Full PDB file with SEQRES, HELIX, SHEET, SSBOND, CRYST1, ORIGX, SCALE, CONECT and MASTER records, all heavy atoms in Angstrom:
SEQRES   1 A   39  ASP ALA SER VAL PHE ALA LEU LEU THR ALA LEU LYS ASN          
SEQRES   2 A   39  VAL GLN LEU PRO LEU VAL THR ILE ASN GLU GLU THR GLY          
SEQRES   3 A   39  LEU SER GLU VAL ASN LEU LYS GLN LYS ASN PRO LEU ILE          
HELIX    1 AA1 ALA A    2  LYS A   12  1                                  11    
SHEET    1 AA1 2 GLN A  15  ILE A  21  0                                        
SHEET    2 AA1 2 SER A  28  PRO A  37 -1                                        
CRYST1    1.000    1.000    1.000  90.00  90.00  90.00 P 1           1          
ORIGX1      1.000000  0.000000  0.000000        0.00000                         
ORIGX2      0.000000  1.000000  0.000000        0.00000                         
ORIGX3      0.000000  0.000000  1.000000        0.00000                         
SCALE1      1.000000  0.000000  0.000000        0.00000                         
SCALE2      0.000000  1.000000  0.000000        0.00000                         
SCALE3      0.000000  0.000000  1.000000        0.00000                         
ATOM      1  N   ASP A   1     -25.695  -5.400  -3.258  1.00  0.00           N  
ATOM      2  CA  ASP A   1     -25.262  -4.048  -2.883  1.00  0.00           C  
ATOM      3  C   ASP A   1     -23.824  -3.917  -2.702  1.00  0.00           C  
ATOM      4  O   ASP A   1     -23.216  -3.026  -3.227  1.00  0.00           O  
ATOM      5  CB  ASP A   1     -25.954  -3.585  -1.617  1.00  0.00           C  
ATOM      6  CG  ASP A   1     -27.477  -3.283  -1.826  1.00  0.00           C  
ATOM      7  OD1 ASP A   1     -28.043  -3.753  -2.785  1.00  0.00           O  
ATOM      8  OD2 ASP A   1     -28.051  -2.573  -0.946  1.00  0.00           O  
ATOM      9  N   ALA A   2     -23.301  -4.893  -1.931  1.00  0.00           N  
ATOM     10  CA  ALA A   2     -21.828  -4.800  -1.672  1.00  0.00           C  
ATOM     11  C   ALA A   2     -20.969  -5.109  -2.971  1.00  0.00           C  
ATOM     12  O   ALA A   2     -19.953  -4.488  -3.160  1.00  0.00           O  
ATOM     13  CB  ALA A   2     -21.524  -5.962  -0.628  1.00  0.00           C  
ATOM     14  N   SER A   3     -21.505  -5.947  -3.823  1.00  0.00           N  
ATOM     15  CA  SER A   3     -20.747  -6.227  -5.068  1.00  0.00           C  
ATOM     16  C   SER A   3     -20.732  -5.079  -6.040  1.00  0.00           C  
ATOM     17  O   SER A   3     -19.682  -4.693  -6.625  1.00  0.00           O  
ATOM     18  CB  SER A   3     -21.479  -7.464  -5.740  1.00  0.00           C  
ATOM     19  OG  SER A   3     -21.270  -8.597  -4.927  1.00  0.00           O  
ATOM     20  N   VAL A   4     -21.777  -4.419  -6.168  1.00  0.00           N  
ATOM     21  CA  VAL A   4     -21.803  -3.173  -7.137  1.00  0.00           C  
ATOM     22  C   VAL A   4     -21.036  -1.966  -6.451  1.00  0.00           C  
ATOM     23  O   VAL A   4     -20.206  -1.469  -7.240  1.00  0.00           O  
ATOM     24  CB  VAL A   4     -23.327  -2.649  -7.236  1.00  0.00           C  
ATOM     25  CG1 VAL A   4     -23.304  -1.448  -8.037  1.00  0.00           C  
ATOM     26  CG2 VAL A   4     -24.187  -3.651  -8.038  1.00  0.00           C  
ATOM     27  N   PHE A   5     -21.049  -1.898  -5.169  1.00  0.00           N  
ATOM     28  CA  PHE A   5     -20.238  -0.852  -4.432  1.00  0.00           C  
ATOM     29  C   PHE A   5     -18.683  -1.187  -4.613  1.00  0.00           C  
ATOM     30  O   PHE A   5     -17.902  -0.259  -5.054  1.00  0.00           O  
ATOM     31  CB  PHE A   5     -20.646  -0.923  -3.047  1.00  0.00           C  
ATOM     32  CG  PHE A   5     -20.066   0.197  -2.126  1.00  0.00           C  
ATOM     33  CD1 PHE A   5     -20.551   0.448  -0.829  1.00  0.00           C  
ATOM     34  CD2 PHE A   5     -19.167   1.190  -2.747  1.00  0.00           C  
ATOM     35  CE1 PHE A   5     -20.026   1.471  -0.154  1.00  0.00           C  
ATOM     36  CE2 PHE A   5     -18.708   2.203  -1.952  1.00  0.00           C  
ATOM     37  CZ  PHE A   5     -19.156   2.331  -0.626  1.00  0.00           C  
ATOM     38  N   ALA A   6     -18.406  -2.405  -4.495  1.00  0.00           N  
ATOM     39  CA  ALA A   6     -16.901  -2.887  -4.603  1.00  0.00           C  
ATOM     40  C   ALA A   6     -16.447  -2.775  -6.012  1.00  0.00           C  
ATOM     41  O   ALA A   6     -15.396  -2.230  -6.344  1.00  0.00           O  
ATOM     42  CB  ALA A   6     -16.746  -4.282  -4.119  1.00  0.00           C  
ATOM     43  N   LEU A   7     -17.382  -3.060  -7.073  1.00  0.00           N  
ATOM     44  CA  LEU A   7     -16.991  -2.922  -8.428  1.00  0.00           C  
ATOM     45  C   LEU A   7     -16.725  -1.545  -8.845  1.00  0.00           C  
ATOM     46  O   LEU A   7     -15.712  -1.160  -9.459  1.00  0.00           O  
ATOM     47  CB  LEU A   7     -18.142  -3.575  -9.295  1.00  0.00           C  
ATOM     48  CG  LEU A   7     -18.035  -3.257 -10.829  1.00  0.00           C  
ATOM     49  CD1 LEU A   7     -16.887  -4.145 -11.425  1.00  0.00           C  
ATOM     50  CD2 LEU A   7     -19.303  -3.541 -11.607  1.00  0.00           C  
ATOM     51  N   LEU A   8     -17.737  -0.679  -8.428  1.00  0.00           N  
ATOM     52  CA  LEU A   8     -17.560   0.769  -8.857  1.00  0.00           C  
ATOM     53  C   LEU A   8     -16.287   1.403  -8.233  1.00  0.00           C  
ATOM     54  O   LEU A   8     -15.526   2.080  -8.928  1.00  0.00           O  
ATOM     55  CB  LEU A   8     -18.792   1.544  -8.377  1.00  0.00           C  
ATOM     56  CG  LEU A   8     -18.812   3.076  -8.493  1.00  0.00           C  
ATOM     57  CD1 LEU A   8     -18.574   3.515  -9.947  1.00  0.00           C  
ATOM     58  CD2 LEU A   8     -20.099   3.745  -7.909  1.00  0.00           C  
ATOM     59  N   THR A   9     -16.072   1.126  -6.989  1.00  0.00           N  
ATOM     60  CA  THR A   9     -14.903   1.674  -6.329  1.00  0.00           C  
ATOM     61  C   THR A   9     -13.559   1.129  -6.870  1.00  0.00           C  
ATOM     62  O   THR A   9     -12.575   1.939  -7.115  1.00  0.00           O  
ATOM     63  CB  THR A   9     -14.930   1.390  -4.802  1.00  0.00           C  
ATOM     64  OG1 THR A   9     -16.236   1.588  -4.326  1.00  0.00           O  
ATOM     65  CG2 THR A   9     -13.949   2.300  -4.062  1.00  0.00           C  
ATOM     66  N   ALA A  10     -13.564  -0.124  -7.231  1.00  0.00           N  
ATOM     67  CA  ALA A  10     -12.343  -0.741  -7.871  1.00  0.00           C  
ATOM     68  C   ALA A  10     -12.106  -0.142  -9.258  1.00  0.00           C  
ATOM     69  O   ALA A  10     -10.920   0.262  -9.550  1.00  0.00           O  
ATOM     70  CB  ALA A  10     -12.469  -2.195  -8.032  1.00  0.00           C  
ATOM     71  N   LEU A  11     -13.053   0.027  -9.977  1.00  0.00           N  
ATOM     72  CA  LEU A  11     -12.905   0.648 -11.332  1.00  0.00           C  
ATOM     73  C   LEU A  11     -12.459   2.093 -11.286  1.00  0.00           C  
ATOM     74  O   LEU A  11     -11.720   2.539 -12.052  1.00  0.00           O  
ATOM     75  CB  LEU A  11     -14.371   0.556 -12.076  1.00  0.00           C  
ATOM     76  CG  LEU A  11     -14.622  -0.783 -12.609  1.00  0.00           C  
ATOM     77  CD1 LEU A  11     -16.110  -0.765 -13.123  1.00  0.00           C  
ATOM     78  CD2 LEU A  11     -13.792  -1.346 -13.589  1.00  0.00           C  
ATOM     79  N   LYS A  12     -12.970   2.865 -10.259  1.00  0.00           N  
ATOM     80  CA  LYS A  12     -12.548   4.264 -10.084  1.00  0.00           C  
ATOM     81  C   LYS A  12     -11.048   4.252  -9.692  1.00  0.00           C  
ATOM     82  O   LYS A  12     -10.388   5.358  -9.871  1.00  0.00           O  
ATOM     83  CB  LYS A  12     -13.352   4.897  -9.033  1.00  0.00           C  
ATOM     84  CG  LYS A  12     -14.741   5.304  -9.578  1.00  0.00           C  
ATOM     85  CD  LYS A  12     -15.485   6.053  -8.561  1.00  0.00           C  
ATOM     86  CE  LYS A  12     -15.114   7.517  -8.411  1.00  0.00           C  
ATOM     87  NZ  LYS A  12     -15.353   8.328  -9.593  1.00  0.00           N  
ATOM     88  N   ASN A  13     -10.520   3.163  -9.255  1.00  0.00           N  
ATOM     89  CA  ASN A  13      -9.038   3.008  -8.834  1.00  0.00           C  
ATOM     90  C   ASN A  13      -8.179   2.539  -9.879  1.00  0.00           C  
ATOM     91  O   ASN A  13      -6.938   2.610  -9.755  1.00  0.00           O  
ATOM     92  CB  ASN A  13      -9.122   2.143  -7.665  1.00  0.00           C  
ATOM     93  CG  ASN A  13      -7.953   1.972  -6.874  1.00  0.00           C  
ATOM     94  OD1 ASN A  13      -7.417   0.831  -6.704  1.00  0.00           O  
ATOM     95  ND2 ASN A  13      -7.223   2.990  -6.522  1.00  0.00           N  
ATOM     96  N   VAL A  14      -8.668   2.153 -11.037  1.00  0.00           N  
ATOM     97  CA  VAL A  14      -7.860   1.714 -12.140  1.00  0.00           C  
ATOM     98  C   VAL A  14      -7.163   2.762 -12.892  1.00  0.00           C  
ATOM     99  O   VAL A  14      -7.738   3.832 -13.256  1.00  0.00           O  
ATOM    100  CB  VAL A  14      -8.804   0.859 -13.165  1.00  0.00           C  
ATOM    101  CG1 VAL A  14      -7.976   0.483 -14.406  1.00  0.00           C  
ATOM    102  CG2 VAL A  14      -9.358  -0.381 -12.491  1.00  0.00           C  
ATOM    103  N   GLN A  15      -5.863   2.505 -13.160  1.00  0.00           N  
ATOM    104  CA  GLN A  15      -5.056   3.322 -13.997  1.00  0.00           C  
ATOM    105  C   GLN A  15      -4.542   2.541 -15.079  1.00  0.00           C  
ATOM    106  O   GLN A  15      -3.831   1.565 -14.887  1.00  0.00           O  
ATOM    107  CB  GLN A  15      -3.882   3.937 -13.154  1.00  0.00           C  
ATOM    108  CG  GLN A  15      -4.269   4.818 -11.963  1.00  0.00           C  
ATOM    109  CD  GLN A  15      -4.407   6.253 -12.297  1.00  0.00           C  
ATOM    110  OE1 GLN A  15      -3.898   6.695 -13.421  1.00  0.00           O  
ATOM    111  NE2 GLN A  15      -5.228   7.051 -11.569  1.00  0.00           N  
ATOM    112  N   LEU A  16      -4.751   2.895 -16.320  1.00  0.00           N  
ATOM    113  CA  LEU A  16      -4.329   2.119 -17.581  1.00  0.00           C  
ATOM    114  C   LEU A  16      -3.096   2.731 -18.186  1.00  0.00           C  
ATOM    115  O   LEU A  16      -3.147   4.015 -18.318  1.00  0.00           O  
ATOM    116  CB  LEU A  16      -5.500   2.019 -18.590  1.00  0.00           C  
ATOM    117  CG  LEU A  16      -6.719   1.213 -18.101  1.00  0.00           C  
ATOM    118  CD1 LEU A  16      -7.720   1.286 -19.186  1.00  0.00           C  
ATOM    119  CD2 LEU A  16      -6.267  -0.168 -17.671  1.00  0.00           C  
ATOM    120  N   PRO A  17      -2.110   2.059 -18.533  1.00  0.00           N  
ATOM    121  CA  PRO A  17      -0.919   2.669 -19.138  1.00  0.00           C  
ATOM    122  C   PRO A  17      -1.371   3.103 -20.594  1.00  0.00           C  
ATOM    123  O   PRO A  17      -2.279   2.612 -21.178  1.00  0.00           O  
ATOM    124  CB  PRO A  17       0.050   1.538 -19.226  1.00  0.00           C  
ATOM    125  CG  PRO A  17      -0.807   0.239 -19.174  1.00  0.00           C  
ATOM    126  CD  PRO A  17      -1.971   0.656 -18.340  1.00  0.00           C  
ATOM    127  N   LEU A  18      -0.619   4.096 -21.055  1.00  0.00           N  
ATOM    128  CA  LEU A  18      -0.800   4.567 -22.453  1.00  0.00           C  
ATOM    129  C   LEU A  18      -0.283   3.460 -23.491  1.00  0.00           C  
ATOM    130  O   LEU A  18       0.741   2.928 -23.277  1.00  0.00           O  
ATOM    131  CB  LEU A  18      -0.012   5.861 -22.755  1.00  0.00           C  
ATOM    132  CG  LEU A  18      -0.146   6.456 -24.149  1.00  0.00           C  
ATOM    133  CD1 LEU A  18      -1.513   6.991 -24.457  1.00  0.00           C  
ATOM    134  CD2 LEU A  18       0.904   7.596 -24.368  1.00  0.00           C  
ATOM    135  N   VAL A  19      -1.114   3.076 -24.470  1.00  0.00           N  
ATOM    136  CA  VAL A  19      -0.862   2.000 -25.342  1.00  0.00           C  
ATOM    137  C   VAL A  19      -0.886   2.608 -26.820  1.00  0.00           C  
ATOM    138  O   VAL A  19      -1.997   3.240 -27.117  1.00  0.00           O  
ATOM    139  CB  VAL A  19      -1.633   0.801 -25.300  1.00  0.00           C  
ATOM    140  CG1 VAL A  19      -1.337  -0.206 -26.283  1.00  0.00           C  
ATOM    141  CG2 VAL A  19      -1.568   0.198 -23.839  1.00  0.00           C  
ATOM    142  N   THR A  20       0.111   2.522 -27.575  1.00  0.00           N  
ATOM    143  CA  THR A  20       0.012   2.911 -28.993  1.00  0.00           C  
ATOM    144  C   THR A  20       0.446   1.701 -29.927  1.00  0.00           C  
ATOM    145  O   THR A  20       1.119   0.841 -29.438  1.00  0.00           O  
ATOM    146  CB  THR A  20       0.981   4.029 -29.232  1.00  0.00           C  
ATOM    147  OG1 THR A  20       2.288   3.728 -28.814  1.00  0.00           O  
ATOM    148  CG2 THR A  20       0.423   5.361 -28.439  1.00  0.00           C  
ATOM    149  N   ILE A  21       0.100   1.859 -31.167  1.00  0.00           N  
ATOM    150  CA  ILE A  21       0.494   0.884 -32.096  1.00  0.00           C  
ATOM    151  C   ILE A  21       1.561   1.479 -33.024  1.00  0.00           C  
ATOM    152  O   ILE A  21       1.330   2.483 -33.688  1.00  0.00           O  
ATOM    153  CB  ILE A  21      -0.713   0.333 -32.906  1.00  0.00           C  
ATOM    154  CG1 ILE A  21      -1.610  -0.580 -31.975  1.00  0.00           C  
ATOM    155  CG2 ILE A  21      -0.178  -0.574 -34.099  1.00  0.00           C  
ATOM    156  CD1 ILE A  21      -2.735  -1.279 -32.604  1.00  0.00           C  
ATOM    157  N   ASN A  22       2.721   0.729 -33.078  1.00  0.00           N  
ATOM    158  CA  ASN A  22       3.782   1.240 -33.909  1.00  0.00           C  
ATOM    159  C   ASN A  22       3.429   1.006 -35.398  1.00  0.00           C  
ATOM    160  O   ASN A  22       3.197  -0.160 -35.816  1.00  0.00           O  
ATOM    161  CB  ASN A  22       5.075   0.504 -33.562  1.00  0.00           C  
ATOM    162  CG  ASN A  22       6.265   1.036 -34.365  1.00  0.00           C  
ATOM    163  OD1 ASN A  22       6.230   1.213 -35.590  1.00  0.00           O  
ATOM    164  ND2 ASN A  22       7.470   1.356 -33.620  1.00  0.00           N  
ATOM    165  N   GLU A  23       3.237   2.041 -36.116  1.00  0.00           N  
ATOM    166  CA  GLU A  23       2.894   1.930 -37.534  1.00  0.00           C  
ATOM    167  C   GLU A  23       3.895   1.203 -38.411  1.00  0.00           C  
ATOM    168  O   GLU A  23       3.398   0.567 -39.371  1.00  0.00           O  
ATOM    169  CB  GLU A  23       2.699   3.368 -38.093  1.00  0.00           C  
ATOM    170  CG  GLU A  23       1.524   4.062 -37.563  1.00  0.00           C  
ATOM    171  CD  GLU A  23       1.233   5.473 -38.134  1.00  0.00           C  
ATOM    172  OE1 GLU A  23       1.858   5.723 -39.271  1.00  0.00           O  
ATOM    173  OE2 GLU A  23       0.383   6.156 -37.686  1.00  0.00           O  
ATOM    174  N   GLU A  24       5.045   1.256 -38.117  1.00  0.00           N  
ATOM    175  CA  GLU A  24       6.112   0.467 -38.935  1.00  0.00           C  
ATOM    176  C   GLU A  24       5.992  -1.002 -38.649  1.00  0.00           C  
ATOM    177  O   GLU A  24       6.073  -1.893 -39.576  1.00  0.00           O  
ATOM    178  CB  GLU A  24       7.444   1.013 -38.668  1.00  0.00           C  
ATOM    179  CG  GLU A  24       7.622   2.430 -39.140  1.00  0.00           C  
ATOM    180  CD  GLU A  24       9.107   2.947 -38.891  1.00  0.00           C  
ATOM    181  OE1 GLU A  24       9.978   2.171 -38.395  1.00  0.00           O  
ATOM    182  OE2 GLU A  24       9.354   4.082 -39.106  1.00  0.00           O  
ATOM    183  N   THR A  25       6.024  -1.407 -37.383  1.00  0.00           N  
ATOM    184  CA  THR A  25       6.012  -2.910 -36.993  1.00  0.00           C  
ATOM    185  C   THR A  25       4.597  -3.445 -36.885  1.00  0.00           C  
ATOM    186  O   THR A  25       4.426  -4.707 -36.889  1.00  0.00           O  
ATOM    187  CB  THR A  25       6.750  -3.017 -35.720  1.00  0.00           C  
ATOM    188  OG1 THR A  25       6.075  -2.387 -34.623  1.00  0.00           O  
ATOM    189  CG2 THR A  25       8.195  -2.425 -35.779  1.00  0.00           C  
ATOM    190  N   GLY A  26       3.601  -2.597 -36.550  1.00  0.00           N  
ATOM    191  CA  GLY A  26       2.289  -3.055 -36.298  1.00  0.00           C  
ATOM    192  C   GLY A  26       2.084  -3.612 -34.866  1.00  0.00           C  
ATOM    193  O   GLY A  26       1.122  -4.216 -34.491  1.00  0.00           O  
ATOM    194  N   LEU A  27       3.240  -3.544 -34.041  1.00  0.00           N  
ATOM    195  CA  LEU A  27       3.143  -4.068 -32.730  1.00  0.00           C  
ATOM    196  C   LEU A  27       2.702  -3.005 -31.696  1.00  0.00           C  
ATOM    197  O   LEU A  27       2.879  -1.781 -31.938  1.00  0.00           O  
ATOM    198  CB  LEU A  27       4.471  -4.526 -32.368  1.00  0.00           C  
ATOM    199  CG  LEU A  27       5.076  -5.735 -33.107  1.00  0.00           C  
ATOM    200  CD1 LEU A  27       6.532  -6.067 -32.729  1.00  0.00           C  
ATOM    201  CD2 LEU A  27       4.166  -7.019 -33.121  1.00  0.00           C  
ATOM    202  N   SER A  28       2.098  -3.410 -30.665  1.00  0.00           N  
ATOM    203  CA  SER A  28       1.700  -2.498 -29.590  1.00  0.00           C  
ATOM    204  C   SER A  28       2.816  -2.081 -28.714  1.00  0.00           C  
ATOM    205  O   SER A  28       3.691  -2.918 -28.389  1.00  0.00           O  
ATOM    206  CB  SER A  28       0.547  -3.117 -28.776  1.00  0.00           C  
ATOM    207  OG  SER A  28       0.867  -4.218 -28.110  1.00  0.00           O  
ATOM    208  N   GLU A  29       2.864  -0.879 -28.237  1.00  0.00           N  
ATOM    209  CA  GLU A  29       3.885  -0.377 -27.307  1.00  0.00           C  
ATOM    210  C   GLU A  29       3.094   0.121 -26.095  1.00  0.00           C  
ATOM    211  O   GLU A  29       2.306   1.103 -26.213  1.00  0.00           O  
ATOM    212  CB  GLU A  29       4.777   0.805 -28.021  1.00  0.00           C  
ATOM    213  CG  GLU A  29       5.469   0.236 -29.225  1.00  0.00           C  
ATOM    214  CD  GLU A  29       6.286   1.225 -30.093  1.00  0.00           C  
ATOM    215  OE1 GLU A  29       6.093   2.362 -29.670  1.00  0.00           O  
ATOM    216  OE2 GLU A  29       7.041   0.891 -30.905  1.00  0.00           O  
ATOM    217  N   VAL A  30       3.672  -0.331 -24.959  1.00  0.00           N  
ATOM    218  CA  VAL A  30       3.027   0.079 -23.707  1.00  0.00           C  
ATOM    219  C   VAL A  30       3.935   1.016 -22.880  1.00  0.00           C  
ATOM    220  O   VAL A  30       5.151   0.780 -22.619  1.00  0.00           O  
ATOM    221  CB  VAL A  30       2.734  -1.200 -22.803  1.00  0.00           C  
ATOM    222  CG1 VAL A  30       2.011  -0.749 -21.464  1.00  0.00           C  
ATOM    223  CG2 VAL A  30       1.807  -2.123 -23.545  1.00  0.00           C  
ATOM    224  N   ASN A  31       3.410   2.168 -22.536  1.00  0.00           N  
ATOM    225  CA  ASN A  31       4.178   3.198 -21.805  1.00  0.00           C  
ATOM    226  C   ASN A  31       3.666   3.141 -20.313  1.00  0.00           C  
ATOM    227  O   ASN A  31       2.680   3.701 -19.933  1.00  0.00           O  
ATOM    228  CB  ASN A  31       3.970   4.556 -22.391  1.00  0.00           C  
ATOM    229  CG  ASN A  31       4.828   5.575 -21.615  1.00  0.00           C  
ATOM    230  OD1 ASN A  31       5.382   5.389 -20.560  1.00  0.00           O  
ATOM    231  ND2 ASN A  31       4.825   6.860 -22.203  1.00  0.00           N  
ATOM    232  N   LEU A  32       4.368   2.402 -19.481  1.00  0.00           N  
ATOM    233  CA  LEU A  32       3.954   2.214 -18.023  1.00  0.00           C  
ATOM    234  C   LEU A  32       4.099   3.476 -17.299  1.00  0.00           C  
ATOM    235  O   LEU A  32       3.545   3.640 -16.111  1.00  0.00           O  
ATOM    236  CB  LEU A  32       4.708   1.003 -17.423  1.00  0.00           C  
ATOM    237  CG  LEU A  32       4.421  -0.232 -18.032  1.00  0.00           C  
ATOM    238  CD1 LEU A  32       5.356  -1.377 -17.326  1.00  0.00           C  
ATOM    239  CD2 LEU A  32       2.953  -0.674 -17.749  1.00  0.00           C  
ATOM    240  N   LYS A  33       4.976   4.426 -17.744  1.00  0.00           N  
ATOM    241  CA  LYS A  33       5.184   5.714 -16.990  1.00  0.00           C  
ATOM    242  C   LYS A  33       4.008   6.736 -17.214  1.00  0.00           C  
ATOM    243  O   LYS A  33       3.862   7.674 -16.448  1.00  0.00           O  
ATOM    244  CB  LYS A  33       6.429   6.281 -17.477  1.00  0.00           C  
ATOM    245  CG  LYS A  33       7.657   5.559 -17.084  1.00  0.00           C  
ATOM    246  CD  LYS A  33       9.021   6.227 -17.477  1.00  0.00           C  
ATOM    247  CE  LYS A  33      10.222   5.465 -17.040  1.00  0.00           C  
ATOM    248  NZ  LYS A  33      11.448   6.048 -17.619  1.00  0.00           N  
ATOM    249  N   GLN A  34       3.229   6.512 -18.177  1.00  0.00           N  
ATOM    250  CA  GLN A  34       2.112   7.395 -18.452  1.00  0.00           C  
ATOM    251  C   GLN A  34       0.832   6.628 -18.324  1.00  0.00           C  
ATOM    252  O   GLN A  34       0.382   5.846 -19.179  1.00  0.00           O  
ATOM    253  CB  GLN A  34       2.168   8.008 -19.813  1.00  0.00           C  
ATOM    254  CG  GLN A  34       1.164   9.141 -19.994  1.00  0.00           C  
ATOM    255  CD  GLN A  34       1.483   9.890 -21.455  1.00  0.00           C  
ATOM    256  OE1 GLN A  34       2.545   9.707 -22.042  1.00  0.00           O  
ATOM    257  NE2 GLN A  34       0.510  10.599 -21.823  1.00  0.00           N  
ATOM    258  N   LYS A  35       0.194   6.888 -17.213  1.00  0.00           N  
ATOM    259  CA  LYS A  35      -1.072   6.179 -16.943  1.00  0.00           C  
ATOM    260  C   LYS A  35      -2.326   7.060 -16.855  1.00  0.00           C  
ATOM    261  O   LYS A  35      -2.124   8.233 -16.320  1.00  0.00           O  
ATOM    262  CB  LYS A  35      -1.014   5.228 -15.634  1.00  0.00           C  
ATOM    263  CG  LYS A  35      -0.038   4.167 -15.883  1.00  0.00           C  
ATOM    264  CD  LYS A  35      -0.144   3.195 -14.600  1.00  0.00           C  
ATOM    265  CE  LYS A  35       0.819   1.877 -14.786  1.00  0.00           C  
ATOM    266  NZ  LYS A  35       0.638   1.023 -13.706  1.00  0.00           N  
ATOM    267  N   ASN A  36      -3.405   6.576 -17.163  1.00  0.00           N  
ATOM    268  CA  ASN A  36      -4.629   7.464 -17.133  1.00  0.00           C  
ATOM    269  C   ASN A  36      -5.804   6.668 -16.519  1.00  0.00           C  
ATOM    270  O   ASN A  36      -5.861   5.448 -16.694  1.00  0.00           O  
ATOM    271  CB  ASN A  36      -5.179   7.923 -18.559  1.00  0.00           C  
ATOM    272  CG  ASN A  36      -4.132   8.809 -19.196  1.00  0.00           C  
ATOM    273  OD1 ASN A  36      -3.790   9.782 -18.638  1.00  0.00           O  
ATOM    274  ND2 ASN A  36      -3.756   8.462 -20.391  1.00  0.00           N  
ATOM    275  N   PRO A  37      -6.577   7.313 -15.656  1.00  0.00           N  
ATOM    276  CA  PRO A  37      -7.688   6.610 -15.100  1.00  0.00           C  
ATOM    277  C   PRO A  37      -8.749   6.230 -16.053  1.00  0.00           C  
ATOM    278  O   PRO A  37      -8.812   6.869 -17.194  1.00  0.00           O  
ATOM    279  CB  PRO A  37      -8.272   7.681 -14.024  1.00  0.00           C  
ATOM    280  CG  PRO A  37      -7.905   9.020 -14.618  1.00  0.00           C  
ATOM    281  CD  PRO A  37      -6.573   8.675 -15.324  1.00  0.00           C  
ATOM    282  N   LEU A  38      -9.564   5.187 -15.706  1.00  0.00           N  
ATOM    283  CA  LEU A  38     -10.600   4.733 -16.567  1.00  0.00           C  
ATOM    284  C   LEU A  38     -11.670   5.951 -16.647  1.00  0.00           C  
ATOM    285  O   LEU A  38     -11.849   6.683 -15.753  1.00  0.00           O  
ATOM    286  CB  LEU A  38     -11.364   3.579 -16.000  1.00  0.00           C  
ATOM    287  CG  LEU A  38     -10.915   2.177 -16.318  1.00  0.00           C  
ATOM    288  CD1 LEU A  38     -11.719   1.134 -15.534  1.00  0.00           C  
ATOM    289  CD2 LEU A  38     -11.091   2.004 -17.762  1.00  0.00           C  
ATOM    290  N   ILE A  39     -12.313   6.031 -17.747  1.00  0.00           N  
ATOM    291  CA  ILE A  39     -13.538   6.822 -17.951  1.00  0.00           C  
ATOM    292  C   ILE A  39     -14.693   6.266 -17.341  1.00  0.00           C  
ATOM    293  O   ILE A  39     -15.229   5.356 -17.930  1.00  0.00           O  
ATOM    294  CB  ILE A  39     -13.644   7.318 -19.369  1.00  0.00           C  
ATOM    295  CG1 ILE A  39     -12.412   7.960 -19.903  1.00  0.00           C  
ATOM    296  CG2 ILE A  39     -14.872   8.220 -19.443  1.00  0.00           C  
ATOM    297  CD1 ILE A  39     -12.434   8.174 -21.444  1.00  0.00           C  
TER     298      ILE A  39                                                      
MASTER        0    0    0    1    2    0    0    6  297    1    0    3          
END                                                                             
């Protein structure tokens, strides 16, 4: 019970930065200023 509760609450607390792939270089670019919560 405690583990499921902690997992759910921690996941609701996650903010992921915006990540895009540069079409020219093929490398990933991380924007730490723009974060979105997990769905």
